[in-house]
């Protein structure tokens, strides 16, 4: 099962909208990381097998720098 982790720049409502397809997804607000730095979100996603969903280009740079997991959309 794919787990999506939605970044701060995306609506938490996406969790409910995609619940049938991605039932165990989360938003950074819901996991206690509402103001976390990108690297903290990255590390959390890596440790918990999430795919990061974001509009932030910094995650693409982290992906190039650190490799994956996590994947970034």
PDB file of N, CA and C in Angstrom:
ATOM      1  N   UNK A   1       0.842  -1.179   0.000  1.00  0.00           N
ATOM      2  CA  UNK A   1       0.000   0.000   0.000  1.00  0.00           C
ATOM      3  C   UNK A   1       0.886   1.240   0.000  1.00  0.00           C
ATOM      4  N   UNK A   2       0.550   2.193  -0.830  1.00  0.00           N
ATOM      5  CA  UNK A   2       1.273   3.462  -0.902  1.00  0.00           C
ATOM      6  C   UNK A   2       0.753   4.411   0.161  1.00  0.00           C
ATOM      7  N   UNK A   3       1.677   5.024   0.886  1.00  0.00           N
ATOM      8  CA  UNK A   3       1.329   6.001   1.909  1.00  0.00           C
ATOM      9  C   UNK A   3       1.781   7.371   1.442  1.00  0.00           C
ATOM     10  N   UNK A   4       0.875   8.314   1.396  1.00  0.00           N
ATOM     11  CA  UNK A   4       1.203   9.669   0.980  1.00  0.00           C
ATOM     12  C   UNK A   4       1.304  10.571   2.194  1.00  0.00           C
ATOM     13  N   UNK A   5       2.304  11.429   2.185  1.00  0.00           N
ATOM     14  CA  UNK A   5       2.464  12.439   3.225  1.00  0.00           C
ATOM     15  C   UNK A   5       2.389  13.801   2.551  1.00  0.00           C
ATOM     16  N   UNK A   6       1.320  14.544   2.825  1.00  0.00           N
ATOM     17  CA  UNK A   6       1.096  15.840   2.208  1.00  0.00           C
ATOM     18  C   UNK A   6       1.823  16.922   2.983  1.00  0.00           C
ATOM     19  N   UNK A   7       2.568  17.734   2.269  1.00  0.00           N
ATOM     20  CA  UNK A   7       3.357  18.811   2.854  1.00  0.00           C
ATOM     21  C   UNK A   7       2.456  19.982   3.254  1.00  0.00           C
ATOM     22  N   UNK A   8       3.058  20.928   3.958  1.00  0.00           N
ATOM     23  CA  UNK A   8       2.356  22.112   4.475  1.00  0.00           C
ATOM     24  C   UNK A   8       1.650  22.915   3.394  1.00  0.00           C
ATOM     25  N   UNK A   9       2.220  22.917   2.189  1.00  0.00           N
ATOM     26  CA  UNK A   9       1.674  23.754   1.127  1.00  0.00           C
ATOM     27  C   UNK A   9       0.474  23.127   0.416  1.00  0.00           C
ATOM     28  N   UNK A  10       0.019  21.980   0.887  1.00  0.00           N
ATOM     29  CA  UNK A  10      -1.160  21.325   0.326  1.00  0.00           C
ATOM     30  C   UNK A  10      -2.250  21.207   1.398  1.00  0.00           C
ATOM     31  N   UNK A  11      -3.464  21.175   0.958  1.00  0.00           N
ATOM     32  CA  UNK A  11      -4.607  21.141   1.874  1.00  0.00           C
ATOM     33  C   UNK A  11      -4.716  19.799   2.609  1.00  0.00           C
ATOM     34  N   UNK A  12      -4.980  19.845   3.907  1.00  0.00           N
ATOM     35  CA  UNK A  12      -5.235  18.613   4.653  1.00  0.00           C
ATOM     36  C   UNK A  12      -6.481  17.870   4.166  1.00  0.00           C
ATOM     37  N   UNK A  13      -7.352  18.563   3.458  1.00  0.00           N
ATOM     38  CA  UNK A  13      -8.572  17.932   2.928  1.00  0.00           C
ATOM     39  C   UNK A  13      -8.269  16.849   1.899  1.00  0.00           C
ATOM     40  N   UNK A  14      -7.057  16.874   1.345  1.00  0.00           N
ATOM     41  CA  UNK A  14      -6.683  15.855   0.362  1.00  0.00           C
ATOM     42  C   UNK A  14      -6.726  14.449   0.956  1.00  0.00           C
ATOM     43  N   UNK A  15      -6.490  14.350   2.243  1.00  0.00           N
ATOM     44  CA  UNK A  15      -6.530  13.043   2.901  1.00  0.00           C
ATOM     45  C   UNK A  15      -7.906  12.410   2.728  1.00  0.00           C
ATOM     46  N   UNK A  16      -8.947  13.167   2.990  1.00  0.00           N
ATOM     47  CA  UNK A  16     -10.311  12.645   2.844  1.00  0.00           C
ATOM     48  C   UNK A  16     -10.680  12.404   1.391  1.00  0.00           C
ATOM     49  N   UNK A  17     -10.231  13.285   0.509  1.00  0.00           N
ATOM     50  CA  UNK A  17     -10.554  13.143  -0.911  1.00  0.00           C
ATOM     51  C   UNK A  17      -9.924  11.888  -1.525  1.00  0.00           C
ATOM     52  N   UNK A  18      -8.771  11.493  -1.020  1.00  0.00           N
ATOM     53  CA  UNK A  18      -8.060  10.344  -1.580  1.00  0.00           C
ATOM     54  C   UNK A  18      -8.099   9.108  -0.673  1.00  0.00           C
ATOM     55  N   UNK A  19      -8.947   9.130   0.324  1.00  0.00           N
ATOM     56  CA  UNK A  19      -8.979   8.068   1.335  1.00  0.00           C
ATOM     57  C   UNK A  19      -9.272   6.681   0.761  1.00  0.00           C
ATOM     58  N   UNK A  20     -10.086   6.593  -0.262  1.00  0.00           N
ATOM     59  CA  UNK A  20     -10.391   5.284  -0.843  1.00  0.00           C
ATOM     60  C   UNK A  20      -9.190   4.689  -1.558  1.00  0.00           C
ATOM     61  N   UNK A  21      -8.400   5.526  -2.188  1.00  0.00           N
ATOM     62  CA  UNK A  21      -7.246   5.057  -2.959  1.00  0.00           C
ATOM     63  C   UNK A  21      -6.007   4.930  -2.082  1.00  0.00           C
ATOM     64  N   UNK A  22      -5.803   5.899  -1.195  1.00  0.00           N
ATOM     65  CA  UNK A  22      -4.646   5.940  -0.307  1.00  0.00           C
ATOM     66  C   UNK A  22      -5.123   6.084   1.137  1.00  0.00           C
ATOM     67  N   UNK A  23      -5.646   5.018   1.723  1.00  0.00           N
ATOM     68  CA  UNK A  23      -6.323   5.113   3.016  1.00  0.00           C
ATOM     69  C   UNK A  23      -5.453   5.488   4.211  1.00  0.00           C
ATOM     70  N   UNK A  24      -4.189   5.230   4.184  1.00  0.00           N
ATOM     71  CA  UNK A  24      -3.349   5.501   5.366  1.00  0.00           C
ATOM     72  C   UNK A  24      -2.476   6.741   5.185  1.00  0.00           C
ATOM     73  N   UNK A  25      -2.905   7.635   4.337  1.00  0.00           N
ATOM     74  CA  UNK A  25      -2.122   8.839   4.084  1.00  0.00           C
ATOM     75  C   UNK A  25      -2.255   9.840   5.224  1.00  0.00           C
ATOM     76  N   UNK A  26      -1.350  10.819   5.241  1.00  0.00           N
ATOM     77  CA  UNK A  26      -1.327  11.796   6.333  1.00  0.00           C
ATOM     78  C   UNK A  26      -0.932  13.167   5.804  1.00  0.00           C
ATOM     79  N   UNK A  27      -1.183  14.161   6.627  1.00  0.00           N
ATOM     80  CA  UNK A  27      -0.750  15.525   6.354  1.00  0.00           C
ATOM     81  C   UNK A  27       0.203  15.907   7.478  1.00  0.00           C
ATOM     82  N   UNK A  28       1.183  16.751   7.190  1.00  0.00           N
ATOM     83  CA  UNK A  28       2.155  17.113   8.227  1.00  0.00           C
ATOM     84  C   UNK A  28       1.477  17.714   9.456  1.00  0.00           C
ATOM     85  N   UNK A  29       0.359  18.405   9.281  1.00  0.00           N
ATOM     86  CA  UNK A  29      -0.375  18.950  10.430  1.00  0.00           C
ATOM     87  C   UNK A  29      -0.861  17.836  11.352  1.00  0.00           C
ATOM     88  N   UNK A  30      -1.321  16.748  10.769  1.00  0.00           N
ATOM     89  CA  UNK A  30      -1.904  15.660  11.533  1.00  0.00           C
ATOM     90  C   UNK A  30      -0.906  14.766  12.251  1.00  0.00           C
ATOM     91  N   UNK A  31       0.374  14.892  11.904  1.00  0.00           N
ATOM     92  CA  UNK A  31       1.388  14.053  12.552  1.00  0.00           C
ATOM     93  C   UNK A  31       2.308  14.864  13.451  1.00  0.00           C
ATOM     94  N   UNK A  32       1.913  16.118  13.704  1.00  0.00           N
ATOM     95  CA  UNK A  32       2.685  16.946  14.622  1.00  0.00           C
ATOM     96  C   UNK A  32       3.871  17.668  14.007  1.00  0.00           C
ATOM     97  N   UNK A  33       3.861  17.827  12.681  1.00  0.00           N
ATOM     98  CA  UNK A  33       4.957  18.525  12.007  1.00  0.00           C
ATOM     99  C   UNK A  33       4.477  19.731  11.195  1.00  0.00           C
ATOM    100  N   UNK A  34       3.558  20.545  11.726  1.00  0.00           N
ATOM    101  CA  UNK A  34       2.991  21.628  10.925  1.00  0.00           C
ATOM    102  C   UNK A  34       3.986  22.714  10.523  1.00  0.00           C
ATOM    103  N   UNK A  35       5.024  22.906  11.305  1.00  0.00           N
ATOM    104  CA  UNK A  35       6.014  23.940  10.980  1.00  0.00           C
ATOM    105  C   UNK A  35       7.415  23.344  10.826  1.00  0.00           C
ATOM    106  N   UNK A  36       7.477  22.054  10.577  1.00  0.00           N
ATOM    107  CA  UNK A  36       8.770  21.376  10.469  1.00  0.00           C
ATOM    108  C   UNK A  36       9.539  21.823   9.227  1.00  0.00           C
ATOM    109  N   UNK A  37      10.837  21.784   9.346  1.00  0.00           N
ATOM    110  CA  UNK A  37      11.694  22.060   8.194  1.00  0.00           C
ATOM    111  C   UNK A  37      11.604  20.887   7.225  1.00  0.00           C
ATOM    112  N   UNK A  38      11.977  21.163   5.979  1.00  0.00           N
ATOM    113  CA  UNK A  38      11.882  20.144   4.942  1.00  0.00           C
ATOM    114  C   UNK A  38      12.637  18.872   5.313  1.00  0.00           C
ATOM    115  N   UNK A  39      13.797  19.000   5.890  1.00  0.00           N
ATOM    116  CA  UNK A  39      14.602  17.824   6.239  1.00  0.00           C
ATOM    117  C   UNK A  39      13.900  16.975   7.308  1.00  0.00           C
ATOM    118  N   UNK A  40      13.202  17.602   8.236  1.00  0.00           N
ATOM    119  CA  UNK A  40      12.457  16.851   9.248  1.00  0.00           C
ATOM    120  C   UNK A  40      11.324  16.049   8.606  1.00  0.00           C
ATOM    121  N   UNK A  41      10.619  16.680   7.675  1.00  0.00           N
ATOM    122  CA  UNK A  41       9.542  15.994   6.962  1.00  0.00           C
ATOM    123  C   UNK A  41      10.130  14.848   6.146  1.00  0.00           C
ATOM    124  N   UNK A  42      11.249  15.097   5.495  1.00  0.00           N
ATOM    125  CA  UNK A  42      11.948  14.080   4.701  1.00  0.00           C
ATOM    126  C   UNK A  42      12.301  12.871   5.572  1.00  0.00           C
ATOM    127  N   UNK A  43      12.911  13.140   6.715  1.00  0.00           N
ATOM    128  CA  UNK A  43      13.325  12.064   7.612  1.00  0.00           C
ATOM    129  C   UNK A  43      12.124  11.273   8.126  1.00  0.00           C
ATOM    130  N   UNK A  44      11.049  11.970   8.465  1.00  0.00           N
ATOM    131  CA  UNK A  44       9.837  11.297   8.933  1.00  0.00           C
ATOM    132  C   UNK A  44       9.287  10.391   7.824  1.00  0.00           C
ATOM    133  N   UNK A  45       9.216  10.924   6.620  1.00  0.00           N
ATOM    134  CA  UNK A  45       8.702  10.147   5.489  1.00  0.00           C
ATOM    135  C   UNK A  45       9.562   8.909   5.255  1.00  0.00           C
ATOM    136  N   UNK A  46      10.854   9.063   5.341  1.00  0.00           N
ATOM    137  CA  UNK A  46      11.772   7.935   5.135  1.00  0.00           C
ATOM    138  C   UNK A  46      11.551   6.864   6.212  1.00  0.00           C
ATOM    139  N   UNK A  47      11.448   7.284   7.448  1.00  0.00           N
ATOM    140  CA  UNK A  47      11.303   6.343   8.562  1.00  0.00           C
ATOM    141  C   UNK A  47       9.967   5.607   8.556  1.00  0.00           C
ATOM    142  N   UNK A  48       8.943   6.242   7.989  1.00  0.00           N
ATOM    143  CA  UNK A  48       7.598   5.667   8.035  1.00  0.00           C
ATOM    144  C   UNK A  48       7.067   5.236   6.658  1.00  0.00           C
ATOM    145  N   UNK A  49       7.948   5.158   5.677  1.00  0.00           N
ATOM    146  CA  UNK A  49       7.606   4.666   4.331  1.00  0.00           C
ATOM    147  C   UNK A  49       6.539   5.479   3.605  1.00  0.00           C
ATOM    148  N   UNK A  50       6.594   6.794   3.751  1.00  0.00           N
ATOM    149  CA  UNK A  50       5.677   7.681   3.035  1.00  0.00           C
ATOM    150  C   UNK A  50       6.296   8.165   1.728  1.00  0.00           C
ATOM    151  N   UNK A  51       5.444   8.537   0.799  1.00  0.00           N
ATOM    152  CA  UNK A  51       5.814   9.281  -0.398  1.00  0.00           C
ATOM    153  C   UNK A  51       5.435  10.726  -0.109  1.00  0.00           C
ATOM    154  N   UNK A  52       6.365  11.651  -0.274  1.00  0.00           N
ATOM    155  CA  UNK A  52       6.102  13.061   0.012  1.00  0.00           C
ATOM    156  C   UNK A  52       5.387  13.693  -1.179  1.00  0.00           C
ATOM    157  N   UNK A  53       4.261  14.337  -0.920  1.00  0.00           N
ATOM    158  CA  UNK A  53       3.516  15.061  -1.945  1.00  0.00           C
ATOM    159  C   UNK A  53       3.624  16.537  -1.593  1.00  0.00           C
ATOM    160  N   UNK A  54       4.179  17.328  -2.515  1.00  0.00           N
ATOM    161  CA  UNK A  54       4.473  18.723  -2.204  1.00  0.00           C
ATOM    162  C   UNK A  54       4.508  19.577  -3.465  1.00  0.00           C
ATOM    163  N   UNK A  55       4.443  20.880  -3.269  1.00  0.00           N
ATOM    164  CA  UNK A  55       4.681  21.845  -4.346  1.00  0.00           C
ATOM    165  C   UNK A  55       6.046  22.501  -4.154  1.00  0.00           C
ATOM    166  N   UNK A  56       6.758  22.111  -3.128  1.00  0.00           N
ATOM    167  CA  UNK A  56       8.027  22.708  -2.737  1.00  0.00           C
ATOM    168  C   UNK A  56       9.180  22.072  -3.526  1.00  0.00           C
ATOM    169  N   UNK A  57       9.892  22.855  -4.317  1.00  0.00           N
ATOM    170  CA  UNK A  57      11.005  22.324  -5.118  1.00  0.00           C
ATOM    171  C   UNK A  57      12.190  21.885  -4.259  1.00  0.00           C
ATOM    172  N   UNK A  58      12.230  22.311  -3.011  1.00  0.00           N
ATOM    173  CA  UNK A  58      13.326  21.900  -2.135  1.00  0.00           C
ATOM    174  C   UNK A  58      13.359  20.389  -1.948  1.00  0.00           C
ATOM    175  N   UNK A  59      12.217  19.741  -2.009  1.00  0.00           N
ATOM    176  CA  UNK A  59      12.188  18.292  -1.854  1.00  0.00           C
ATOM    177  C   UNK A  59      12.828  17.590  -3.055  1.00  0.00           C
ATOM    178  N   UNK A  60      12.699  18.166  -4.227  1.00  0.00           N
ATOM    179  CA  UNK A  60      13.385  17.607  -5.397  1.00  0.00           C
ATOM    180  C   UNK A  60      14.890  17.699  -5.213  1.00  0.00           C
ATOM    181  N   UNK A  61      15.340  18.805  -4.653  1.00  0.00           N
ATOM    182  CA  UNK A  61      16.767  18.969  -4.388  1.00  0.00           C
ATOM    183  C   UNK A  61      17.244  17.979  -3.328  1.00  0.00           C
ATOM    184  N   UNK A  62      16.446  17.781  -2.283  1.00  0.00           N
ATOM    185  CA  UNK A  62      16.792  16.785  -1.275  1.00  0.00           C
ATOM    186  C   UNK A  62      16.874  15.392  -1.889  1.00  0.00           C
ATOM    187  N   UNK A  63      15.982  15.105  -2.806  1.00  0.00           N
ATOM    188  CA  UNK A  63      15.980  13.815  -3.473  1.00  0.00           C
ATOM    189  C   UNK A  63      17.278  13.604  -4.258  1.00  0.00           C
ATOM    190  N   UNK A  64      17.728  14.641  -4.933  1.00  0.00           N
ATOM    191  CA  UNK A  64      18.989  14.546  -5.674  1.00  0.00           C
ATOM    192  C   UNK A  64      20.180  14.402  -4.735  1.00  0.00           C
ATOM    193  N   UNK A  65      20.117  15.088  -3.627  1.00  0.00           N
ATOM    194  CA  UNK A  65      21.206  15.097  -2.667  1.00  0.00           C
ATOM    195  C   UNK A  65      21.271  13.808  -1.835  1.00  0.00           C
ATOM    196  N   UNK A  66      20.119  13.334  -1.383  1.00  0.00           N
ATOM    197  CA  UNK A  66      20.074  12.220  -0.441  1.00  0.00           C
ATOM    198  C   UNK A  66      19.610  10.896  -1.038  1.00  0.00           C
ATOM    199  N   UNK A  67      19.110  10.933  -2.269  1.00  0.00           N
ATOM    200  CA  UNK A  67      18.556   9.720  -2.849  1.00  0.00           C
ATOM    201  C   UNK A  67      17.180   9.420  -2.285  1.00  0.00           C
ATOM    202  N   UNK A  68      16.741   8.191  -2.480  1.00  0.00           N
ATOM    203  CA  UNK A  68      15.436   7.833  -1.951  1.00  0.00           C
ATOM    204  C   UNK A  68      15.522   6.457  -1.329  1.00  0.00           C
ATOM    205  N   UNK A  69      14.630   6.057  -0.459  1.00  0.00           N
ATOM    206  CA  UNK A  69      13.388   6.717  -0.152  1.00  0.00           C
ATOM    207  C   UNK A  69      13.598   7.990   0.659  1.00  0.00           C
ATOM    208  N   UNK A  70      12.606   8.816   0.787  1.00  0.00           N
ATOM    209  CA  UNK A  70      11.270   8.686   0.198  1.00  0.00           C
ATOM    210  C   UNK A  70      11.230   9.199  -1.238  1.00  0.00           C
ATOM    211  N   UNK A  71      10.219   8.756  -1.932  1.00  0.00           N
ATOM    212  CA  UNK A  71       9.950   9.320  -3.251  1.00  0.00           C
ATOM    213  C   UNK A  71       9.228  10.647  -3.045  1.00  0.00           C
ATOM    214  N   UNK A  72       9.301  11.500  -4.067  1.00  0.00           N
ATOM    215  CA  UNK A  72       8.668  12.820  -4.003  1.00  0.00           C
ATOM    216  C   UNK A  72       7.785  13.017  -5.216  1.00  0.00           C
ATOM    217  N   UNK A  73       6.577  13.480  -4.953  1.00  0.00           N
ATOM    218  CA  UNK A  73       5.647  13.828  -6.033  1.00  0.00           C
ATOM    219  C   UNK A  73       5.402  15.317  -5.937  1.00  0.00           C
TER     220      UNK A  73
END
